[in-house]
């Protein structure tokens, strides 16, 4: 099984290794070949996305293509996670081997369950945002919350997604975020279901 995953560039660096480790433990010999394909900041739209997906499936031998977009892109493109997935499906043309997924509202929502690690790295004791990580909204998305604690912390540096995102995940169990974040669970379970449905996370 060969699966291509379209991601924004910095997310790929932060997330790839941890996801592979998690899936390898769960899937064993059924582990797919995963290719993360960075998209220079955000997932393409409309005909460009369709061309990329069709090329990967028809010419490059992939069995499935997953697109992982933030709902919060800095624009008003998507109302919510369902709207983002519906639009991507529409752009690609409802291809049965294309699977749109979202980080709600951005990738950093999946880091919020590890707030104690974030506090230690930022060297600040600001309390964690209240509520479920994926409900932190457009007005002040998760990435902004993490940038802010780094800005005011004694670490005296800015948050860097490829470096700090990878470090936060590296110190923790991915299952904690999976159980706290339904969109992350849906994304991980999509990969698992394509390889070994018996291993889907309940």
N, C-alpha and C. Protein backbone atom coordinates (compact mmCIF):
# COMPACT_ATOMS: atom_id res chain seq x y z
N UNK A 1 0.85 -1.20 0.00
CA UNK A 1 0.00 0.00 0.00
C UNK A 1 0.88 1.25 0.00
N UNK A 2 0.68 2.10 -1.00
CA UNK A 2 1.41 3.36 -1.10
C UNK A 2 0.41 4.51 -0.92
N UNK A 3 0.69 5.35 0.08
CA UNK A 3 -0.21 6.46 0.39
C UNK A 3 0.57 7.77 0.33
N UNK A 4 0.07 8.72 -0.45
CA UNK A 4 0.64 10.06 -0.49
C UNK A 4 -0.16 10.97 0.44
N UNK A 5 0.55 11.77 1.22
CA UNK A 5 -0.11 12.69 2.15
C UNK A 5 0.34 14.11 1.81
N UNK A 6 -0.61 14.92 1.35
CA UNK A 6 -0.32 16.32 1.03
C UNK A 6 -0.43 17.14 2.31
N UNK A 7 0.62 17.85 2.65
CA UNK A 7 0.64 18.64 3.88
C UNK A 7 1.29 19.99 3.59
N UNK A 8 1.03 20.95 4.50
CA UNK A 8 1.80 22.19 4.41
C UNK A 8 3.23 21.88 4.85
N UNK A 9 4.19 22.61 4.36
CA UNK A 9 5.59 22.24 4.53
C UNK A 9 6.06 22.02 5.95
N UNK A 10 5.80 22.99 6.84
CA UNK A 10 6.31 22.90 8.20
C UNK A 10 5.65 21.77 8.99
N UNK A 11 4.40 21.48 8.67
CA UNK A 11 3.70 20.40 9.36
C UNK A 11 4.38 19.06 9.09
N UNK A 12 4.82 18.88 7.86
CA UNK A 12 5.46 17.62 7.46
C UNK A 12 6.69 17.34 8.33
N UNK A 13 7.50 18.35 8.53
CA UNK A 13 8.71 18.19 9.32
C UNK A 13 8.37 17.85 10.77
N UNK A 14 7.38 18.55 11.30
CA UNK A 14 7.04 18.38 12.72
C UNK A 14 6.37 17.03 13.00
N UNK A 15 5.60 16.53 12.07
CA UNK A 15 4.66 15.44 12.34
C UNK A 15 5.06 14.09 11.78
N UNK A 16 5.80 14.11 10.69
CA UNK A 16 6.06 12.89 9.92
C UNK A 16 6.64 11.75 10.76
N UNK A 17 7.71 12.04 11.47
CA UNK A 17 8.43 10.99 12.19
C UNK A 17 7.55 10.35 13.27
N UNK A 18 6.87 11.21 14.04
CA UNK A 18 6.04 10.71 15.14
C UNK A 18 4.89 9.85 14.61
N UNK A 19 4.27 10.28 13.53
CA UNK A 19 3.17 9.51 12.95
C UNK A 19 3.66 8.16 12.45
N UNK A 20 4.79 8.15 11.77
CA UNK A 20 5.34 6.88 11.26
C UNK A 20 5.62 5.91 12.41
N UNK A 21 6.23 6.41 13.47
CA UNK A 21 6.52 5.55 14.62
C UNK A 21 5.24 4.94 15.19
N UNK A 22 4.23 5.77 15.35
CA UNK A 22 2.96 5.31 15.90
C UNK A 22 2.32 4.25 15.02
N UNK A 23 2.27 4.51 13.71
CA UNK A 23 1.64 3.56 12.78
C UNK A 23 2.42 2.26 12.68
N UNK A 24 3.74 2.34 12.72
CA UNK A 24 4.56 1.14 12.63
C UNK A 24 4.26 0.19 13.79
N UNK A 25 4.13 0.75 14.98
CA UNK A 25 3.82 -0.09 16.15
C UNK A 25 2.44 -0.73 16.01
N UNK A 26 1.52 -0.03 15.40
CA UNK A 26 0.15 -0.53 15.32
C UNK A 26 -0.05 -1.49 14.15
N UNK A 27 0.61 -1.20 13.04
CA UNK A 27 0.35 -1.95 11.81
C UNK A 27 1.37 -3.04 11.52
N UNK A 28 2.56 -2.92 12.06
CA UNK A 28 3.57 -3.96 11.86
C UNK A 28 3.86 -4.20 10.39
N UNK A 29 3.71 -5.43 9.95
CA UNK A 29 4.02 -5.81 8.57
C UNK A 29 3.07 -5.17 7.56
N UNK A 30 1.93 -4.67 8.01
CA UNK A 30 0.97 -4.02 7.11
C UNK A 30 1.22 -2.52 6.99
N UNK A 31 2.32 -2.06 7.56
CA UNK A 31 2.67 -0.64 7.48
C UNK A 31 2.77 -0.20 6.02
N UNK A 32 2.07 0.88 5.63
CA UNK A 32 2.14 1.33 4.24
C UNK A 32 3.40 2.14 3.97
N UNK A 33 3.69 2.34 2.70
CA UNK A 33 4.71 3.31 2.32
C UNK A 33 4.05 4.68 2.28
N UNK A 34 4.46 5.54 3.21
CA UNK A 34 3.88 6.88 3.29
C UNK A 34 4.83 7.89 2.67
N UNK A 35 4.32 8.72 1.78
CA UNK A 35 5.12 9.81 1.23
C UNK A 35 4.44 11.12 1.59
N UNK A 36 5.12 11.91 2.42
CA UNK A 36 4.61 13.23 2.77
C UNK A 36 5.08 14.21 1.70
N UNK A 37 4.15 14.96 1.15
CA UNK A 37 4.46 15.87 0.05
C UNK A 37 4.11 17.30 0.48
N UNK A 38 5.12 18.07 0.87
CA UNK A 38 4.87 19.45 1.33
C UNK A 38 4.35 20.33 0.20
N UNK A 39 3.45 21.25 0.56
CA UNK A 39 2.80 22.10 -0.44
C UNK A 39 3.09 23.59 -0.25
N UNK A 40 4.26 23.89 0.27
CA UNK A 40 4.70 25.29 0.37
C UNK A 40 3.71 26.17 1.13
N UNK A 41 3.28 25.70 2.27
CA UNK A 41 2.49 26.58 3.14
C UNK A 41 1.03 26.22 3.27
N UNK A 42 0.41 25.76 2.20
CA UNK A 42 -0.99 25.33 2.30
C UNK A 42 -1.35 24.42 1.14
N UNK A 43 -2.43 23.66 1.33
CA UNK A 43 -2.89 22.74 0.30
C UNK A 43 -3.44 23.54 -0.89
N UNK A 44 -3.07 23.17 -2.12
CA UNK A 44 -3.58 23.89 -3.29
C UNK A 44 -5.10 23.80 -3.39
N UNK A 45 -5.66 24.68 -4.21
CA UNK A 45 -7.10 24.75 -4.39
C UNK A 45 -7.48 24.37 -5.82
N UNK A 46 -8.74 24.01 -5.97
CA UNK A 46 -9.40 23.86 -7.25
C UNK A 46 -8.63 22.97 -8.24
N UNK A 47 -8.43 23.42 -9.48
CA UNK A 47 -7.86 22.55 -10.51
C UNK A 47 -6.45 22.09 -10.17
N UNK A 48 -5.70 22.92 -9.47
CA UNK A 48 -4.33 22.54 -9.13
C UNK A 48 -4.33 21.32 -8.21
N UNK A 49 -5.23 21.30 -7.22
CA UNK A 49 -5.31 20.14 -6.33
C UNK A 49 -5.73 18.91 -7.12
N UNK A 50 -6.68 19.06 -7.99
CA UNK A 50 -7.14 17.91 -8.80
C UNK A 50 -6.00 17.34 -9.64
N UNK A 51 -5.21 18.20 -10.27
CA UNK A 51 -4.09 17.74 -11.10
C UNK A 51 -3.08 16.96 -10.26
N UNK A 52 -2.76 17.48 -9.08
CA UNK A 52 -1.78 16.81 -8.22
C UNK A 52 -2.29 15.44 -7.81
N UNK A 53 -3.55 15.36 -7.38
CA UNK A 53 -4.12 14.09 -6.92
C UNK A 53 -4.16 13.08 -8.06
N UNK A 54 -4.66 13.49 -9.22
CA UNK A 54 -4.77 12.57 -10.35
C UNK A 54 -3.40 12.09 -10.81
N UNK A 55 -2.41 12.96 -10.78
CA UNK A 55 -1.06 12.58 -11.19
C UNK A 55 -0.48 11.53 -10.23
N UNK A 56 -0.69 11.72 -8.94
CA UNK A 56 -0.18 10.76 -7.96
C UNK A 56 -0.86 9.40 -8.11
N UNK A 57 -2.15 9.40 -8.36
CA UNK A 57 -2.90 8.14 -8.47
C UNK A 57 -2.68 7.46 -9.82
N UNK A 58 -2.69 8.24 -10.89
CA UNK A 58 -2.68 7.65 -12.23
C UNK A 58 -1.26 7.40 -12.77
N UNK A 59 -0.32 8.26 -12.38
CA UNK A 59 1.02 8.18 -12.96
C UNK A 59 2.10 7.69 -11.99
N UNK A 60 1.91 7.96 -10.71
CA UNK A 60 2.96 7.67 -9.73
C UNK A 60 2.70 6.41 -8.91
N UNK A 61 1.59 5.74 -9.16
CA UNK A 61 1.36 4.44 -8.55
C UNK A 61 0.89 4.45 -7.10
N UNK A 62 0.35 5.58 -6.64
CA UNK A 62 -0.18 5.61 -5.28
C UNK A 62 -1.58 5.01 -5.26
N UNK A 63 -1.88 4.30 -4.16
CA UNK A 63 -3.21 3.69 -4.02
C UNK A 63 -4.21 4.67 -3.41
N UNK A 64 -3.71 5.66 -2.67
CA UNK A 64 -4.58 6.64 -2.02
C UNK A 64 -3.81 7.94 -1.84
N UNK A 65 -4.55 9.04 -1.88
CA UNK A 65 -3.98 10.36 -1.58
C UNK A 65 -4.82 10.99 -0.48
N UNK A 66 -4.14 11.43 0.58
CA UNK A 66 -4.78 12.13 1.67
C UNK A 66 -4.29 13.57 1.65
N UNK A 67 -5.22 14.52 1.74
CA UNK A 67 -4.84 15.93 1.88
C UNK A 67 -5.16 16.36 3.30
N UNK A 68 -4.18 16.96 3.96
CA UNK A 68 -4.36 17.42 5.33
C UNK A 68 -4.20 18.94 5.36
N UNK A 69 -5.31 19.64 5.54
CA UNK A 69 -5.27 21.10 5.56
C UNK A 69 -5.66 21.63 6.93
N UNK A 70 -5.12 22.79 7.29
CA UNK A 70 -5.66 23.54 8.42
C UNK A 70 -7.01 24.10 8.00
N UNK A 71 -7.94 24.20 8.95
CA UNK A 71 -9.18 24.94 8.67
C UNK A 71 -8.88 26.44 8.71
N UNK A 72 -8.02 26.83 9.66
CA UNK A 72 -7.60 28.23 9.73
C UNK A 72 -6.37 28.39 8.84
N UNK A 73 -6.55 29.03 7.69
CA UNK A 73 -5.46 29.20 6.73
C UNK A 73 -4.98 30.64 6.65
N UNK A 74 -5.54 31.51 7.52
CA UNK A 74 -5.26 32.94 7.41
C UNK A 74 -6.21 33.62 6.44
N UNK A 75 -7.11 32.84 5.84
CA UNK A 75 -8.15 33.38 4.94
C UNK A 75 -9.50 32.87 5.42
N UNK A 76 -10.54 33.24 4.71
CA UNK A 76 -11.90 32.77 5.04
C UNK A 76 -12.33 31.66 4.08
N UNK A 77 -11.40 30.87 3.59
CA UNK A 77 -11.72 29.84 2.61
C UNK A 77 -12.70 28.81 3.17
N UNK A 78 -12.53 28.43 4.44
CA UNK A 78 -13.31 27.34 5.01
C UNK A 78 -14.08 27.82 6.24
N UNK A 79 -15.36 27.46 6.30
CA UNK A 79 -16.19 27.81 7.48
C UNK A 79 -15.82 26.93 8.65
N UNK A 80 -15.64 25.64 8.38
CA UNK A 80 -15.36 24.67 9.43
C UNK A 80 -14.73 23.43 8.79
N UNK A 81 -14.51 22.40 9.60
CA UNK A 81 -13.85 21.20 9.08
C UNK A 81 -14.66 20.53 7.98
N UNK A 82 -15.97 20.43 8.18
CA UNK A 82 -16.81 19.77 7.17
C UNK A 82 -16.80 20.54 5.86
N UNK A 83 -16.81 21.86 5.94
CA UNK A 83 -16.76 22.68 4.72
C UNK A 83 -15.43 22.49 4.01
N UNK A 84 -14.34 22.44 4.75
CA UNK A 84 -13.01 22.23 4.14
C UNK A 84 -12.97 20.91 3.40
N UNK A 85 -13.46 19.85 4.04
CA UNK A 85 -13.43 18.53 3.40
C UNK A 85 -14.34 18.48 2.18
N UNK A 86 -15.50 19.11 2.30
CA UNK A 86 -16.44 19.12 1.17
C UNK A 86 -15.84 19.87 -0.02
N UNK A 87 -15.21 21.01 0.25
CA UNK A 87 -14.61 21.78 -0.85
C UNK A 87 -13.48 21.02 -1.51
N UNK A 88 -12.62 20.39 -0.72
CA UNK A 88 -11.52 19.63 -1.32
C UNK A 88 -12.05 18.47 -2.16
N UNK A 89 -13.07 17.78 -1.66
CA UNK A 89 -13.70 16.70 -2.43
C UNK A 89 -14.24 17.23 -3.75
N UNK A 90 -14.89 18.38 -3.69
CA UNK A 90 -15.48 18.98 -4.88
C UNK A 90 -14.40 19.37 -5.88
N UNK A 91 -13.31 19.96 -5.39
CA UNK A 91 -12.21 20.36 -6.28
C UNK A 91 -11.61 19.16 -6.99
N UNK A 92 -11.48 18.06 -6.27
CA UNK A 92 -10.83 16.87 -6.85
C UNK A 92 -11.81 16.08 -7.71
N UNK A 93 -13.11 16.23 -7.49
CA UNK A 93 -14.11 15.54 -8.29
C UNK A 93 -14.59 14.23 -7.69
N UNK A 94 -14.65 14.20 -6.36
CA UNK A 94 -15.15 13.01 -5.65
C UNK A 94 -14.44 11.73 -6.07
N UNK A 95 -13.14 11.81 -6.20
CA UNK A 95 -12.33 10.64 -6.53
C UNK A 95 -12.35 9.65 -5.36
N UNK A 96 -12.69 8.37 -5.59
CA UNK A 96 -12.82 7.41 -4.48
C UNK A 96 -11.51 7.11 -3.76
N UNK A 97 -10.38 7.47 -4.35
CA UNK A 97 -9.09 7.22 -3.70
C UNK A 97 -8.46 8.49 -3.12
N UNK A 98 -9.28 9.53 -3.04
CA UNK A 98 -8.84 10.79 -2.41
C UNK A 98 -9.59 10.99 -1.11
N UNK A 99 -8.84 11.34 -0.06
CA UNK A 99 -9.42 11.46 1.28
C UNK A 99 -9.01 12.80 1.90
N UNK A 100 -9.95 13.76 1.96
CA UNK A 100 -9.63 15.05 2.57
C UNK A 100 -9.74 14.98 4.10
N UNK A 101 -8.75 15.57 4.77
CA UNK A 101 -8.78 15.64 6.23
C UNK A 101 -8.31 17.02 6.68
N UNK A 102 -8.65 17.34 7.93
CA UNK A 102 -8.34 18.68 8.44
C UNK A 102 -7.68 18.61 9.81
N UNK A 103 -6.88 19.64 10.05
CA UNK A 103 -6.46 19.96 11.42
C UNK A 103 -7.36 21.12 11.86
N UNK A 104 -8.02 20.96 12.95
CA UNK A 104 -9.02 21.95 13.40
C UNK A 104 -8.51 22.64 14.66
N UNK A 105 -8.25 23.90 14.64
CA UNK A 105 -8.31 24.82 13.50
C UNK A 105 -6.95 24.87 12.77
N UNK A 106 -5.89 24.45 13.46
CA UNK A 106 -4.59 24.34 12.81
C UNK A 106 -3.81 23.20 13.46
N UNK A 107 -2.67 22.88 12.90
CA UNK A 107 -1.86 21.76 13.37
C UNK A 107 -1.56 21.85 14.87
N UNK A 108 -1.36 23.08 15.36
CA UNK A 108 -0.98 23.24 16.76
C UNK A 108 -2.06 22.80 17.74
N UNK A 109 -3.31 22.64 17.28
CA UNK A 109 -4.34 22.08 18.17
C UNK A 109 -3.92 20.71 18.67
N UNK A 110 -3.19 19.98 17.85
CA UNK A 110 -2.77 18.62 18.22
C UNK A 110 -1.60 18.63 19.20
N UNK A 111 -1.03 19.82 19.43
CA UNK A 111 0.03 19.96 20.43
C UNK A 111 -0.51 20.41 21.78
N UNK A 112 -1.70 21.00 21.81
CA UNK A 112 -2.24 21.54 23.06
C UNK A 112 -2.39 20.50 24.17
N UNK A 113 -2.69 19.21 23.87
CA UNK A 113 -2.77 18.24 24.96
C UNK A 113 -1.45 18.07 25.72
N UNK A 114 -0.37 18.57 25.15
CA UNK A 114 0.95 18.44 25.78
C UNK A 114 1.39 19.78 26.38
N UNK A 115 0.46 20.48 27.00
CA UNK A 115 0.73 21.84 27.49
C UNK A 115 1.85 21.87 28.53
N UNK A 116 1.95 20.84 29.35
CA UNK A 116 3.04 20.83 30.34
C UNK A 116 4.40 20.84 29.65
N UNK A 117 4.51 20.10 28.55
CA UNK A 117 5.76 20.12 27.78
C UNK A 117 6.00 21.50 27.18
N UNK A 118 4.93 22.11 26.66
CA UNK A 118 5.04 23.46 26.08
C UNK A 118 5.48 24.46 27.15
N UNK A 119 4.92 24.36 28.35
CA UNK A 119 5.32 25.24 29.45
C UNK A 119 6.82 25.10 29.75
N UNK A 120 7.28 23.88 29.80
CA UNK A 120 8.70 23.64 30.11
C UNK A 120 9.60 24.21 29.02
N UNK A 121 9.22 24.02 27.76
CA UNK A 121 10.04 24.51 26.66
C UNK A 121 10.04 26.03 26.59
N UNK A 122 8.87 26.63 26.84
CA UNK A 122 8.76 28.10 26.79
C UNK A 122 9.29 28.75 28.07
N UNK A 123 9.40 27.94 29.14
CA UNK A 123 9.82 28.44 30.45
C UNK A 123 8.84 29.49 30.96
N UNK A 124 7.57 29.07 30.96
CA UNK A 124 6.50 29.95 31.47
C UNK A 124 5.37 29.07 31.97
N UNK A 125 4.66 29.55 33.00
CA UNK A 125 3.61 28.73 33.61
C UNK A 125 2.20 29.14 33.20
N UNK A 126 2.07 29.86 32.10
CA UNK A 126 0.72 30.24 31.63
C UNK A 126 -0.14 29.00 31.54
N UNK A 127 -1.38 29.12 32.01
CA UNK A 127 -2.28 27.96 32.03
C UNK A 127 -2.74 27.60 30.62
N UNK A 128 -3.12 26.34 30.47
CA UNK A 128 -3.54 25.83 29.16
C UNK A 128 -4.85 26.46 28.73
N UNK A 129 -5.07 26.63 27.42
CA UNK A 129 -6.37 27.11 26.93
C UNK A 129 -7.47 26.15 27.38
N UNK A 130 -8.62 26.70 27.74
CA UNK A 130 -9.71 25.85 28.23
C UNK A 130 -10.46 25.23 27.07
N UNK A 131 -11.07 24.08 27.33
CA UNK A 131 -11.89 23.41 26.33
C UNK A 131 -11.11 22.40 25.51
N UNK A 132 -11.83 21.71 24.65
CA UNK A 132 -11.22 20.71 23.77
C UNK A 132 -10.26 21.39 22.80
N UNK A 133 -9.08 20.80 22.56
CA UNK A 133 -8.07 21.46 21.71
C UNK A 133 -8.60 21.88 20.34
N UNK A 134 -9.48 21.07 19.75
CA UNK A 134 -9.95 21.38 18.40
C UNK A 134 -11.10 22.38 18.39
N UNK A 135 -11.49 22.88 19.56
CA UNK A 135 -12.53 23.93 19.59
C UNK A 135 -11.91 25.32 19.74
N UNK A 136 -10.58 25.40 19.88
CA UNK A 136 -9.91 26.70 19.95
C UNK A 136 -10.09 27.37 18.59
N UNK A 137 -10.65 28.59 18.58
CA UNK A 137 -11.26 29.07 17.34
C UNK A 137 -10.41 29.98 16.48
N UNK A 138 -11.03 30.44 15.38
CA UNK A 138 -10.37 31.28 14.39
C UNK A 138 -9.84 32.58 14.99
N UNK A 139 -10.54 33.12 15.98
CA UNK A 139 -10.17 34.43 16.52
C UNK A 139 -8.81 34.41 17.21
N UNK A 140 -8.49 33.27 17.80
CA UNK A 140 -7.18 33.12 18.45
C UNK A 140 -6.79 31.65 18.37
N UNK A 141 -6.36 31.20 17.20
CA UNK A 141 -6.16 29.77 16.96
C UNK A 141 -5.01 29.20 17.79
N UNK A 142 -4.93 27.86 17.87
CA UNK A 142 -3.91 27.22 18.71
C UNK A 142 -2.49 27.69 18.44
N UNK A 143 -2.13 27.89 17.18
CA UNK A 143 -0.77 28.34 16.88
C UNK A 143 -0.45 29.65 17.59
N UNK A 144 -1.45 30.55 17.64
CA UNK A 144 -1.23 31.83 18.32
C UNK A 144 -1.02 31.63 19.81
N UNK A 145 -1.74 30.67 20.41
CA UNK A 145 -1.59 30.42 21.85
C UNK A 145 -0.17 29.94 22.17
N UNK A 146 0.36 29.07 21.30
CA UNK A 146 1.70 28.55 21.55
C UNK A 146 2.75 29.63 21.26
N UNK A 147 2.55 30.39 20.19
CA UNK A 147 3.49 31.48 19.90
C UNK A 147 3.55 32.46 21.07
N UNK A 148 2.40 32.72 21.68
CA UNK A 148 2.34 33.70 22.76
C UNK A 148 3.09 33.24 23.99
N UNK A 149 2.93 31.98 24.39
CA UNK A 149 3.64 31.51 25.58
C UNK A 149 5.15 31.49 25.34
N UNK A 150 5.57 31.20 24.12
CA UNK A 150 7.00 31.28 23.81
C UNK A 150 7.47 32.74 23.86
N UNK A 151 6.62 33.65 23.38
CA UNK A 151 7.01 35.07 23.34
C UNK A 151 7.21 35.63 24.74
N UNK A 152 6.34 35.25 25.68
CA UNK A 152 6.41 35.81 27.03
C UNK A 152 7.28 34.97 27.96
N UNK A 153 7.66 33.78 27.52
CA UNK A 153 8.44 32.88 28.38
C UNK A 153 9.90 33.26 28.47
N UNK A 154 10.57 32.64 29.41
CA UNK A 154 11.98 32.92 29.64
C UNK A 154 12.90 32.23 28.63
N UNK A 155 12.31 31.46 27.70
CA UNK A 155 13.14 30.83 26.67
C UNK A 155 13.75 31.88 25.73
N UNK A 156 13.08 33.06 25.68
CA UNK A 156 13.60 34.20 24.91
C UNK A 156 13.79 33.89 23.43
N UNK A 157 12.83 33.22 22.86
CA UNK A 157 12.86 32.97 21.41
C UNK A 157 11.44 32.73 20.92
N UNK A 158 11.28 32.76 19.60
CA UNK A 158 9.97 32.53 19.00
C UNK A 158 9.72 31.03 18.84
N UNK A 159 8.45 30.66 18.86
CA UNK A 159 8.05 29.28 18.54
C UNK A 159 8.38 28.99 17.09
N UNK A 160 8.98 27.82 16.84
CA UNK A 160 9.33 27.39 15.50
C UNK A 160 8.65 26.05 15.25
N UNK A 161 7.69 26.03 14.32
CA UNK A 161 6.89 24.82 14.12
C UNK A 161 7.72 23.58 13.79
N UNK A 162 8.63 23.62 12.80
CA UNK A 162 9.38 22.38 12.50
C UNK A 162 10.21 21.89 13.67
N UNK A 163 10.86 22.81 14.39
CA UNK A 163 11.75 22.40 15.48
C UNK A 163 10.96 22.10 16.75
N UNK A 164 10.15 23.06 17.18
CA UNK A 164 9.44 22.90 18.46
C UNK A 164 8.27 21.94 18.36
N UNK A 165 7.56 21.95 17.23
CA UNK A 165 6.46 21.00 17.06
C UNK A 165 6.96 19.57 17.12
N UNK A 166 8.07 19.32 16.44
CA UNK A 166 8.67 17.98 16.46
C UNK A 166 9.14 17.62 17.86
N UNK A 167 9.73 18.58 18.58
CA UNK A 167 10.23 18.31 19.93
C UNK A 167 9.08 18.03 20.90
N UNK A 168 7.99 18.79 20.79
CA UNK A 168 6.84 18.57 21.67
C UNK A 168 6.27 17.17 21.46
N UNK A 169 6.08 16.78 20.21
CA UNK A 169 5.57 15.44 19.91
C UNK A 169 6.56 14.36 20.33
N UNK A 170 7.84 14.64 20.13
CA UNK A 170 8.86 13.63 20.42
C UNK A 170 8.93 13.25 21.88
N UNK A 171 8.50 14.14 22.75
CA UNK A 171 8.58 13.88 24.18
C UNK A 171 7.32 13.19 24.71
N UNK A 172 6.34 12.91 23.86
CA UNK A 172 5.04 12.46 24.33
C UNK A 172 4.47 11.32 23.50
N UNK A 173 3.38 10.73 24.02
CA UNK A 173 2.66 9.64 23.37
C UNK A 173 1.61 10.23 22.44
N UNK A 174 1.68 9.91 21.16
CA UNK A 174 0.73 10.46 20.20
C UNK A 174 -0.71 10.08 20.53
N UNK A 175 -0.91 8.95 21.18
CA UNK A 175 -2.26 8.50 21.50
C UNK A 175 -3.00 9.52 22.40
N UNK A 176 -2.27 10.27 23.20
CA UNK A 176 -2.91 11.29 24.06
C UNK A 176 -3.62 12.32 23.19
N UNK A 177 -2.93 12.82 22.15
CA UNK A 177 -3.54 13.80 21.26
C UNK A 177 -4.63 13.16 20.41
N UNK A 178 -4.42 11.91 19.98
CA UNK A 178 -5.44 11.23 19.16
C UNK A 178 -6.76 11.14 19.91
N UNK A 179 -6.70 10.80 21.19
CA UNK A 179 -7.93 10.65 21.97
C UNK A 179 -8.55 11.99 22.33
N UNK A 180 -7.76 13.06 22.32
CA UNK A 180 -8.28 14.40 22.65
C UNK A 180 -8.78 15.16 21.43
N UNK A 181 -8.41 14.71 20.24
CA UNK A 181 -8.66 15.48 19.01
C UNK A 181 -9.35 14.60 17.96
N UNK A 182 -10.67 14.72 17.81
CA UNK A 182 -11.40 13.86 16.86
C UNK A 182 -10.91 13.94 15.42
N UNK A 183 -10.50 15.12 14.96
CA UNK A 183 -10.03 15.23 13.57
C UNK A 183 -8.70 14.50 13.39
N UNK A 184 -7.84 14.56 14.40
CA UNK A 184 -6.58 13.81 14.34
C UNK A 184 -6.87 12.32 14.34
N UNK A 185 -7.80 11.89 15.19
CA UNK A 185 -8.16 10.46 15.23
C UNK A 185 -8.71 10.01 13.87
N UNK A 186 -9.54 10.85 13.25
CA UNK A 186 -10.10 10.49 11.95
C UNK A 186 -8.99 10.35 10.90
N UNK A 187 -8.02 11.25 10.94
CA UNK A 187 -6.90 11.20 9.99
C UNK A 187 -6.07 9.93 10.20
N UNK A 188 -5.70 9.65 11.44
CA UNK A 188 -4.89 8.45 11.73
C UNK A 188 -5.67 7.19 11.39
N UNK A 189 -6.95 7.16 11.76
CA UNK A 189 -7.77 5.99 11.46
C UNK A 189 -7.97 5.79 9.97
N UNK A 190 -7.94 6.88 9.20
CA UNK A 190 -8.05 6.73 7.74
C UNK A 190 -6.88 5.90 7.21
N UNK A 191 -5.68 6.24 7.65
CA UNK A 191 -4.50 5.49 7.20
C UNK A 191 -4.60 4.04 7.66
N UNK A 192 -4.98 3.84 8.92
CA UNK A 192 -5.09 2.49 9.46
C UNK A 192 -6.13 1.68 8.69
N UNK A 193 -7.28 2.30 8.41
CA UNK A 193 -8.37 1.58 7.74
C UNK A 193 -7.99 1.14 6.33
N UNK A 194 -7.10 1.89 5.68
CA UNK A 194 -6.66 1.51 4.34
C UNK A 194 -5.72 0.31 4.36
N UNK A 195 -5.13 0.03 5.53
CA UNK A 195 -4.11 -1.03 5.65
C UNK A 195 -4.58 -2.22 6.44
N UNK A 196 -5.26 -1.98 7.56
CA UNK A 196 -5.70 -3.07 8.44
C UNK A 196 -6.85 -2.56 9.30
N UNK A 197 -8.09 -2.66 8.79
CA UNK A 197 -9.25 -2.13 9.52
C UNK A 197 -9.40 -2.68 10.94
N UNK A 198 -8.85 -3.86 11.21
CA UNK A 198 -8.95 -4.43 12.57
C UNK A 198 -8.19 -3.60 13.59
N UNK A 199 -7.30 -2.75 13.14
CA UNK A 199 -6.46 -1.97 14.07
C UNK A 199 -6.99 -0.55 14.30
N UNK A 200 -8.18 -0.26 13.80
CA UNK A 200 -8.74 1.09 13.97
C UNK A 200 -8.85 1.43 15.46
N UNK A 201 -8.55 2.67 15.79
CA UNK A 201 -8.58 3.13 17.19
C UNK A 201 -10.02 3.45 17.57
N UNK A 202 -10.52 2.82 18.62
CA UNK A 202 -11.92 3.07 19.00
C UNK A 202 -12.11 4.46 19.60
